[in-house]
N, C-alpha and C. Protein backbone atom coordinates (compact mmCIF):
# COMPACT_ATOMS: atom_id res chain seq x y z
N MET A 1 59.25 -131.88 -28.92
CA MET A 1 57.93 -132.48 -29.01
C MET A 1 57.74 -133.47 -27.87
N CYS A 2 56.55 -133.48 -27.31
CA CYS A 2 56.25 -134.37 -26.18
C CYS A 2 55.94 -135.78 -26.67
N GLU A 3 56.23 -136.72 -25.85
CA GLU A 3 55.98 -138.12 -26.16
C GLU A 3 54.81 -138.66 -25.33
N HIS A 4 53.82 -137.83 -25.10
CA HIS A 4 52.70 -138.24 -24.25
C HIS A 4 51.84 -139.32 -24.89
N TYR A 5 51.92 -139.47 -26.19
CA TYR A 5 51.14 -140.51 -26.84
C TYR A 5 51.58 -141.89 -26.35
N LEU A 6 52.83 -142.03 -25.96
CA LEU A 6 53.31 -143.31 -25.42
C LEU A 6 52.66 -143.59 -24.06
N ILE A 7 52.52 -142.55 -23.27
CA ILE A 7 51.86 -142.70 -21.96
C ILE A 7 50.41 -143.09 -22.18
N ARG A 8 49.74 -142.38 -23.09
CA ARG A 8 48.33 -142.69 -23.37
C ARG A 8 48.17 -144.11 -23.90
N ALA A 9 49.13 -144.57 -24.67
CA ALA A 9 49.06 -145.92 -25.23
C ALA A 9 49.08 -146.99 -24.15
N THR A 10 49.64 -146.67 -23.01
CA THR A 10 49.65 -147.64 -21.90
C THR A 10 48.44 -147.46 -20.99
N ILE A 11 47.91 -146.25 -20.92
CA ILE A 11 46.77 -145.97 -20.04
C ILE A 11 45.46 -146.45 -20.64
N VAL A 12 45.24 -146.20 -21.91
CA VAL A 12 43.95 -146.49 -22.55
C VAL A 12 43.54 -147.96 -22.42
N PRO A 13 44.41 -148.93 -22.66
CA PRO A 13 43.98 -150.33 -22.49
C PRO A 13 43.55 -150.64 -21.06
N GLU A 14 44.21 -150.03 -20.09
CA GLU A 14 43.82 -150.24 -18.69
C GLU A 14 42.45 -149.65 -18.41
N VAL A 15 42.19 -148.47 -18.95
CA VAL A 15 40.88 -147.84 -18.79
C VAL A 15 39.81 -148.69 -19.45
N ALA A 16 40.08 -149.19 -20.65
CA ALA A 16 39.12 -150.04 -21.35
C ALA A 16 38.82 -151.30 -20.55
N LYS A 17 39.82 -151.87 -19.93
CA LYS A 17 39.63 -153.07 -19.11
C LYS A 17 38.71 -152.77 -17.93
N LEU A 18 38.91 -151.63 -17.29
CA LEU A 18 38.06 -151.22 -16.17
C LEU A 18 36.61 -150.98 -16.63
N ILE A 19 36.45 -150.35 -17.77
CA ILE A 19 35.12 -150.09 -18.31
C ILE A 19 34.43 -151.42 -18.63
N ALA A 20 35.14 -152.33 -19.25
CA ALA A 20 34.58 -153.65 -19.60
C ALA A 20 34.11 -154.39 -18.36
N GLN A 21 34.93 -154.36 -17.31
CA GLN A 21 34.56 -155.04 -16.07
C GLN A 21 33.34 -154.39 -15.42
N ARG A 22 33.31 -153.09 -15.40
CA ARG A 22 32.22 -152.35 -14.73
C ARG A 22 30.89 -152.55 -15.42
N PHE A 23 30.89 -152.57 -16.75
CA PHE A 23 29.64 -152.63 -17.51
C PHE A 23 29.35 -154.01 -18.10
N GLY A 24 30.24 -154.97 -17.87
CA GLY A 24 30.01 -156.33 -18.35
C GLY A 24 29.99 -156.42 -19.88
N ILE A 25 30.92 -155.72 -20.50
CA ILE A 25 31.01 -155.71 -21.96
C ILE A 25 32.41 -156.17 -22.37
N SER A 26 32.59 -156.40 -23.66
CA SER A 26 33.91 -156.80 -24.14
C SER A 26 34.88 -155.62 -24.07
N GLU A 27 36.15 -155.92 -24.04
CA GLU A 27 37.14 -154.85 -24.02
C GLU A 27 37.11 -154.06 -25.32
N SER A 28 36.77 -154.72 -26.40
CA SER A 28 36.65 -154.03 -27.69
C SER A 28 35.51 -153.00 -27.64
N GLU A 29 34.37 -153.41 -27.11
CA GLU A 29 33.24 -152.48 -26.97
C GLU A 29 33.59 -151.36 -25.99
N ALA A 30 34.27 -151.70 -24.92
CA ALA A 30 34.67 -150.69 -23.94
C ALA A 30 35.60 -149.66 -24.57
N LEU A 31 36.52 -150.13 -25.37
CA LEU A 31 37.45 -149.24 -26.05
C LEU A 31 36.70 -148.32 -27.01
N SER A 32 35.75 -148.86 -27.72
CA SER A 32 34.94 -148.06 -28.63
C SER A 32 34.17 -146.98 -27.88
N ARG A 33 33.54 -147.36 -26.78
CA ARG A 33 32.78 -146.39 -25.97
C ARG A 33 33.71 -145.31 -25.42
N PHE A 34 34.88 -145.74 -24.96
CA PHE A 34 35.82 -144.76 -24.39
C PHE A 34 36.26 -143.76 -25.44
N TYR A 35 36.63 -144.24 -26.61
CA TYR A 35 37.12 -143.34 -27.66
C TYR A 35 36.08 -142.35 -28.15
N LYS A 36 34.80 -142.67 -27.95
CA LYS A 36 33.72 -141.76 -28.33
C LYS A 36 33.38 -140.76 -27.22
N SER A 37 34.05 -140.85 -26.10
CA SER A 37 33.72 -140.02 -24.94
C SER A 37 34.51 -138.71 -24.89
N ALA A 38 33.96 -137.78 -24.15
CA ALA A 38 34.66 -136.51 -23.91
C ALA A 38 35.92 -136.76 -23.08
N THR A 39 35.88 -137.76 -22.23
CA THR A 39 37.06 -138.09 -21.42
C THR A 39 38.23 -138.46 -22.31
N ALA A 40 37.98 -139.24 -23.34
CA ALA A 40 39.05 -139.60 -24.28
C ALA A 40 39.57 -138.37 -25.01
N GLN A 41 38.67 -137.47 -25.37
CA GLN A 41 39.10 -136.23 -26.02
C GLN A 41 39.97 -135.41 -25.09
N ASN A 42 39.59 -135.37 -23.82
CA ASN A 42 40.41 -134.64 -22.84
C ASN A 42 41.77 -135.30 -22.65
N LEU A 43 41.80 -136.61 -22.69
CA LEU A 43 43.06 -137.33 -22.55
C LEU A 43 44.00 -137.01 -23.71
N ALA A 44 43.45 -136.80 -24.88
CA ALA A 44 44.26 -136.48 -26.05
C ALA A 44 44.77 -135.04 -26.06
N ASP A 45 44.18 -134.20 -25.22
CA ASP A 45 44.56 -132.79 -25.15
C ASP A 45 45.85 -132.64 -24.35
N GLU A 46 46.90 -132.21 -25.01
CA GLU A 46 48.21 -132.07 -24.37
C GLU A 46 48.23 -130.98 -23.30
N GLU A 47 47.32 -130.03 -23.40
CA GLU A 47 47.35 -128.86 -22.52
C GLU A 47 46.85 -129.13 -21.11
N ASN A 48 45.91 -130.07 -20.95
CA ASN A 48 45.30 -130.23 -19.62
C ASN A 48 46.03 -131.21 -18.71
N GLY A 49 46.95 -131.97 -19.21
CA GLY A 49 47.76 -132.85 -18.37
C GLY A 49 47.08 -134.11 -17.89
N LEU A 50 45.90 -134.43 -18.42
CA LEU A 50 45.19 -135.63 -17.99
C LEU A 50 46.02 -136.88 -18.24
N TYR A 51 46.87 -136.84 -19.26
CA TYR A 51 47.73 -137.99 -19.58
C TYR A 51 48.65 -138.35 -18.40
N GLY A 52 48.84 -137.44 -17.47
CA GLY A 52 49.70 -137.69 -16.32
C GLY A 52 48.98 -138.36 -15.14
N GLN A 53 47.69 -138.59 -15.30
CA GLN A 53 46.91 -139.22 -14.24
C GLN A 53 46.88 -140.74 -14.43
N SER A 54 46.45 -141.44 -13.41
CA SER A 54 46.40 -142.90 -13.47
C SER A 54 45.19 -143.36 -14.27
N ALA A 55 45.23 -144.62 -14.68
CA ALA A 55 44.10 -145.22 -15.40
C ALA A 55 42.85 -145.20 -14.52
N LEU A 56 43.01 -145.41 -13.24
CA LEU A 56 41.88 -145.42 -12.32
C LEU A 56 41.25 -144.02 -12.23
N PHE A 57 42.05 -142.99 -12.20
CA PHE A 57 41.54 -141.62 -12.17
C PHE A 57 40.75 -141.33 -13.46
N ILE A 58 41.32 -141.70 -14.59
CA ILE A 58 40.66 -141.45 -15.88
C ILE A 58 39.36 -142.26 -15.97
N PHE A 59 39.37 -143.48 -15.46
CA PHE A 59 38.16 -144.29 -15.39
C PHE A 59 37.10 -143.57 -14.57
N GLY A 60 37.49 -142.98 -13.47
CA GLY A 60 36.56 -142.22 -12.64
C GLY A 60 35.96 -141.04 -13.39
N GLN A 61 36.78 -140.37 -14.18
CA GLN A 61 36.30 -139.26 -15.00
C GLN A 61 35.28 -139.77 -16.02
N TYR A 62 35.57 -140.92 -16.60
CA TYR A 62 34.65 -141.52 -17.57
C TYR A 62 33.32 -141.87 -16.89
N LEU A 63 33.38 -142.47 -15.70
CA LEU A 63 32.15 -142.81 -14.99
C LEU A 63 31.32 -141.58 -14.68
N GLU A 64 31.96 -140.49 -14.29
CA GLU A 64 31.24 -139.24 -14.05
C GLU A 64 30.55 -138.76 -15.33
N GLU A 65 31.26 -138.84 -16.43
CA GLU A 65 30.69 -138.42 -17.72
C GLU A 65 29.47 -139.27 -18.06
N VAL A 66 29.57 -140.59 -17.89
CA VAL A 66 28.46 -141.49 -18.20
C VAL A 66 27.27 -141.19 -17.28
N ALA A 67 27.53 -140.93 -16.02
CA ALA A 67 26.45 -140.64 -15.06
C ALA A 67 25.73 -139.34 -15.45
N ILE A 68 26.48 -138.35 -15.88
CA ILE A 68 25.89 -137.07 -16.28
C ILE A 68 25.01 -137.26 -17.52
N ARG A 69 25.50 -138.04 -18.47
CA ARG A 69 24.73 -138.29 -19.70
C ARG A 69 23.45 -139.06 -19.39
N ALA A 70 23.51 -139.97 -18.40
CA ALA A 70 22.36 -140.81 -18.07
C ALA A 70 21.29 -140.04 -17.28
N ALA A 71 21.71 -138.95 -16.66
CA ALA A 71 20.77 -138.19 -15.80
C ALA A 71 19.78 -137.39 -16.60
């Protein structure tokens, strides 16, 4: 069994911090928004390997998702 949940546990707080800074919201609100996103669902998917990317890369994926939804 893979232990990727440990990797995600270290990445997600960093992503939330970046989201909070970018949008001027609390880290708690940022975490809530992230967990409701398709990006978070993709991060939880063991098959696509997103868990192996950096927090900055995942943040970029989240920003793309937000931009698409806003368009």
